[in-house]
Amino acid sequence: MCGQTEVEQLGFQEAARRADELDQGETVRVPADEVDREARSLLK
């Protein structure tokens, strides 16, 4: 089982990876209200 320090480190690495993807245009931000609206429509 991972210690909290290792888990925190992995979390920071993932956050940095995602930030890099945004900076490089590999992914785009989607507003939360749009995600919520789409999720609700899929659950109907």
PDB file of N, CA and C in Angstrom:
ATOM      1  N   MET A   1       0.846  -1.182   0.000  1.00  0.00           N
ATOM      2  CA  MET A   1       0.000   0.000   0.000  1.00  0.00           C
ATOM      3  C   MET A   1       0.886   1.238   0.000  1.00  0.00           C
ATOM      4  N   CYS A   2       0.477   2.246  -0.746  1.00  0.00           N
ATOM      5  CA  CYS A   2       1.278   3.464  -0.865  1.00  0.00           C
ATOM      6  C   CYS A   2       1.153   4.316   0.387  1.00  0.00           C
ATOM      7  N   GLY A   3       2.277   4.870   0.827  1.00  0.00           N
ATOM      8  CA  GLY A   3       2.226   5.830   1.912  1.00  0.00           C
ATOM      9  C   GLY A   3       1.664   7.149   1.403  1.00  0.00           C
ATOM     10  N   GLN A   4       1.202   7.985   2.289  1.00  0.00           N
ATOM     11  CA  GLN A   4       0.579   9.241   1.875  1.00  0.00           C
ATOM     12  C   GLN A   4       1.547  10.090   1.056  1.00  0.00           C
ATOM     13  N   THR A   5       2.798  10.110   1.414  1.00  0.00           N
ATOM     14  CA  THR A   5       3.780  10.896   0.684  1.00  0.00           C
ATOM     15  C   THR A   5       3.879  10.430  -0.762  1.00  0.00           C
ATOM     16  N   GLU A   6       3.899   9.136  -0.979  1.00  0.00           N
ATOM     17  CA  GLU A   6       3.974   8.603  -2.332  1.00  0.00           C
ATOM     18  C   GLU A   6       2.698   8.932  -3.117  1.00  0.00           C
ATOM     19  N   VAL A   7       1.554   8.810  -2.457  1.00  0.00           N
ATOM     20  CA  VAL A   7       0.280   9.121  -3.105  1.00  0.00           C
ATOM     21  C   VAL A   7       0.235  10.599  -3.491  1.00  0.00           C
ATOM     22  N   GLU A   8       0.666  11.453  -2.584  1.00  0.00           N
ATOM     23  CA  GLU A   8       0.701  12.891  -2.886  1.00  0.00           C
ATOM     24  C   GLU A   8       1.620  13.166  -4.069  1.00  0.00           C
ATOM     25  N   GLN A   9       2.767  12.527  -4.103  1.00  0.00           N
ATOM     26  CA  GLN A   9       3.718  12.712  -5.194  1.00  0.00           C
ATOM     27  C   GLN A   9       3.093  12.277  -6.522  1.00  0.00           C
ATOM     28  N   LEU A  10       2.413  11.140  -6.516  1.00  0.00           N
ATOM     29  CA  LEU A  10       1.747  10.667  -7.732  1.00  0.00           C
ATOM     30  C   LEU A  10       0.651  11.641  -8.165  1.00  0.00           C
ATOM     31  N   GLY A  11      -0.058  12.193  -7.205  1.00  0.00           N
ATOM     32  CA  GLY A  11      -1.094  13.183  -7.524  1.00  0.00           C
ATOM     33  C   GLY A  11      -0.502  14.421  -8.170  1.00  0.00           C
ATOM     34  N   PHE A  12       0.611  14.906  -7.642  1.00  0.00           N
ATOM     35  CA  PHE A  12       1.265  16.076  -8.223  1.00  0.00           C
ATOM     36  C   PHE A  12       1.792  15.778  -9.624  1.00  0.00           C
ATOM     37  N   GLN A  13       2.315  14.576  -9.819  1.00  0.00           N
ATOM     38  CA  GLN A  13       2.804  14.198 -11.147  1.00  0.00           C
ATOM     39  C   GLN A  13       1.661  14.169 -12.156  1.00  0.00           C
ATOM     40  N   GLU A  14       0.528  13.638 -11.744  1.00  0.00           N
ATOM     41  CA  GLU A  14      -0.642  13.575 -12.635  1.00  0.00           C
ATOM     42  C   GLU A  14      -1.143  14.983 -12.948  1.00  0.00           C
ATOM     43  N   ALA A  15      -1.187  15.842 -11.941  1.00  0.00           N
ATOM     44  CA  ALA A  15      -1.619  17.220 -12.159  1.00  0.00           C
ATOM     45  C   ALA A  15      -0.677  17.928 -13.139  1.00  0.00           C
ATOM     46  N   ALA A  16       0.613  17.713 -12.993  1.00  0.00           N
ATOM     47  CA  ALA A  16       1.588  18.321 -13.901  1.00  0.00           C
ATOM     48  C   ALA A  16       1.420  17.793 -15.320  1.00  0.00           C
ATOM     49  N   ARG A  17       1.167  16.487 -15.453  1.00  0.00           N
ATOM     50  CA  ARG A  17       0.968  15.892 -16.777  1.00  0.00           C
ATOM     51  C   ARG A  17      -0.256  16.501 -17.450  1.00  0.00           C
ATOM     52  N   ARG A  18      -1.334  16.643 -16.694  1.00  0.00           N
ATOM     53  CA  ARG A  18      -2.558  17.223 -17.253  1.00  0.00           C
ATOM     54  C   ARG A  18      -2.366  18.689 -17.615  1.00  0.00           C
ATOM     55  N   ALA A  19      -1.638  19.422 -16.791  1.00  0.00           N
ATOM     56  CA  ALA A  19      -1.354  20.830 -17.096  1.00  0.00           C
ATOM     57  C   ALA A  19      -0.544  20.943 -18.383  1.00  0.00           C
ATOM     58  N   ASP A  20       0.427  20.054 -18.562  1.00  0.00           N
ATOM     59  CA  ASP A  20       1.228  20.044 -19.795  1.00  0.00           C
ATOM     60  C   ASP A  20       0.348  19.776 -21.009  1.00  0.00           C
ATOM     61  N   GLU A  21      -0.598  18.823 -20.884  1.00  0.00           N
ATOM     62  CA  GLU A  21      -1.504  18.528 -21.993  1.00  0.00           C
ATOM     63  C   GLU A  21      -2.325  19.753 -22.364  1.00  0.00           C
ATOM     64  N   LEU A  22      -2.795  20.476 -21.362  1.00  0.00           N
ATOM     65  CA  LEU A  22      -3.549  21.704 -21.630  1.00  0.00           C
ATOM     66  C   LEU A  22      -2.666  22.741 -22.314  1.00  0.00           C
ATOM     67  N   ASP A  23      -1.467  22.930 -21.791  1.00  0.00           N
ATOM     68  CA  ASP A  23      -0.539  23.917 -22.352  1.00  0.00           C
ATOM     69  C   ASP A  23      -0.173  23.604 -23.796  1.00  0.00           C
ATOM     70  N   GLN A  24      -0.077  22.321 -24.131  1.00  0.00           N
ATOM     71  CA  GLN A  24       0.322  21.914 -25.475  1.00  0.00           C
ATOM     72  C   GLN A  24      -0.868  21.779 -26.422  1.00  0.00           C
ATOM     73  N   GLY A  25      -2.071  22.035 -25.925  1.00  0.00           N
ATOM     74  CA  GLY A  25      -3.255  21.957 -26.758  1.00  0.00           C
ATOM     75  C   GLY A  25      -3.704  20.545 -27.070  1.00  0.00           C
ATOM     76  N   GLU A  26      -3.217  19.572 -26.307  1.00  0.00           N
ATOM     77  CA  GLU A  26      -3.583  18.173 -26.534  1.00  0.00           C
ATOM     78  C   GLU A  26      -4.969  17.859 -25.983  1.00  0.00           C
ATOM     79  N   THR A  27      -5.460  18.704 -25.109  1.00  0.00           N
ATOM     80  CA  THR A  27      -6.782  18.523 -24.514  1.00  0.00           C
ATOM     81  C   THR A  27      -7.371  19.904 -24.257  1.00  0.00           C
ATOM     82  N   VAL A  28      -8.653  19.967 -24.069  1.00  0.00           N
ATOM     83  CA  VAL A  28      -9.308  21.251 -23.823  1.00  0.00           C
ATOM     84  C   VAL A  28     -10.114  21.184 -22.533  1.00  0.00           C
ATOM     85  N   ARG A  29     -10.314  22.345 -21.937  1.00  0.00           N
ATOM     86  CA  ARG A  29     -11.141  22.431 -20.741  1.00  0.00           C
ATOM     87  C   ARG A  29     -12.599  22.445 -21.169  1.00  0.00           C
ATOM     88  N   VAL A  30     -13.416  21.795 -20.382  1.00  0.00           N
ATOM     89  CA  VAL A  30     -14.852  21.792 -20.625  1.00  0.00           C
ATOM     90  C   VAL A  30     -15.509  22.340 -19.352  1.00  0.00           C
ATOM     91  N   PRO A  31     -16.347  23.370 -19.508  1.00  0.00           N
ATOM     92  CA  PRO A  31     -16.991  23.947 -18.326  1.00  0.00           C
ATOM     93  C   PRO A  31     -17.823  22.905 -17.571  1.00  0.00           C
ATOM     94  N   ALA A  32     -17.811  22.982 -16.248  1.00  0.00           N
ATOM     95  CA  ALA A  32     -18.508  22.012 -15.410  1.00  0.00           C
ATOM     96  C   ALA A  32     -19.996  21.948 -15.728  1.00  0.00           C
ATOM     97  N   ASP A  33     -20.622  23.095 -16.009  1.00  0.00           N
ATOM     98  CA  ASP A  33     -22.054  23.076 -16.296  1.00  0.00           C
ATOM     99  C   ASP A  33     -22.353  22.301 -17.580  1.00  0.00           C
ATOM    100  N   GLU A  34     -21.446  22.364 -18.539  1.00  0.00           N
ATOM    101  CA  GLU A  34     -21.614  21.608 -19.781  1.00  0.00           C
ATOM    102  C   GLU A  34     -21.473  20.103 -19.521  1.00  0.00           C
ATOM    103  N   VAL A  35     -20.492  19.727 -18.711  1.00  0.00           N
ATOM    104  CA  VAL A  35     -20.297  18.317 -18.355  1.00  0.00           C
ATOM    105  C   VAL A  35     -21.519  17.809 -17.603  1.00  0.00           C
ATOM    106  N   ASP A  36     -22.009  18.594 -16.650  1.00  0.00           N
ATOM    107  CA  ASP A  36     -23.176  18.216 -15.865  1.00  0.00           C
ATOM    108  C   ASP A  36     -24.395  18.030 -16.763  1.00  0.00           C
ATOM    109  N   ARG A  37     -24.622  18.957 -17.666  1.00  0.00           N
ATOM    110  CA  ARG A  37     -25.759  18.890 -18.583  1.00  0.00           C
ATOM    111  C   ARG A  37     -25.689  17.628 -19.442  1.00  0.00           C
ATOM    112  N   GLU A  38     -24.525  17.353 -19.990  1.00  0.00           N
ATOM    113  CA  GLU A  38     -24.376  16.159 -20.839  1.00  0.00           C
ATOM    114  C   GLU A  38     -24.540  14.873 -20.041  1.00  0.00           C
ATOM    115  N   ALA A  39     -23.968  14.823 -18.856  1.00  0.00           N
ATOM    116  CA  ALA A  39     -24.092  13.628 -18.018  1.00  0.00           C
ATOM    117  C   ALA A  39     -25.555  13.365 -17.675  1.00  0.00           C
ATOM    118  N   ARG A  40     -26.265  14.411 -17.319  1.00  0.00           N
ATOM    119  CA  ARG A  40     -27.689  14.253 -16.986  1.00  0.00           C
ATOM    120  C   ARG A  40     -28.492  13.779 -18.188  1.00  0.00           C
ATOM    121  N   SER A  41     -28.152  14.267 -19.377  1.00  0.00           N
ATOM    122  CA  SER A  41     -28.901  13.842 -20.561  1.00  0.00           C
ATOM    123  C   SER A  41     -28.626  12.369 -20.887  1.00  0.00           C
ATOM    124  N   LEU A  42     -27.436  11.897 -20.579  1.00  0.00           N
ATOM    125  CA  LEU A  42     -27.109  10.490 -20.813  1.00  0.00           C
ATOM    126  C   LEU A  42     -27.809   9.560 -19.826  1.00  0.00           C
ATOM    127  N   LEU A  43     -28.146  10.082 -18.653  1.00  0.00           N
ATOM    128  CA  LEU A  43     -28.768   9.263 -17.613  1.00  0.00           C
ATOM    129  C   LEU A  43     -30.288   9.202 -17.737  1.00  0.00           C
ATOM    130  N   LYS A  44     -30.858   9.938 -18.673  1.00  0.00           N
ATOM    131  CA  LYS A  44     -32.318   9.932 -18.848  1.00  0.00           C
ATOM    132  C   LYS A  44     -32.782   8.696 -19.548  1.00  0.00           C
TER     133      LYS A  44
END
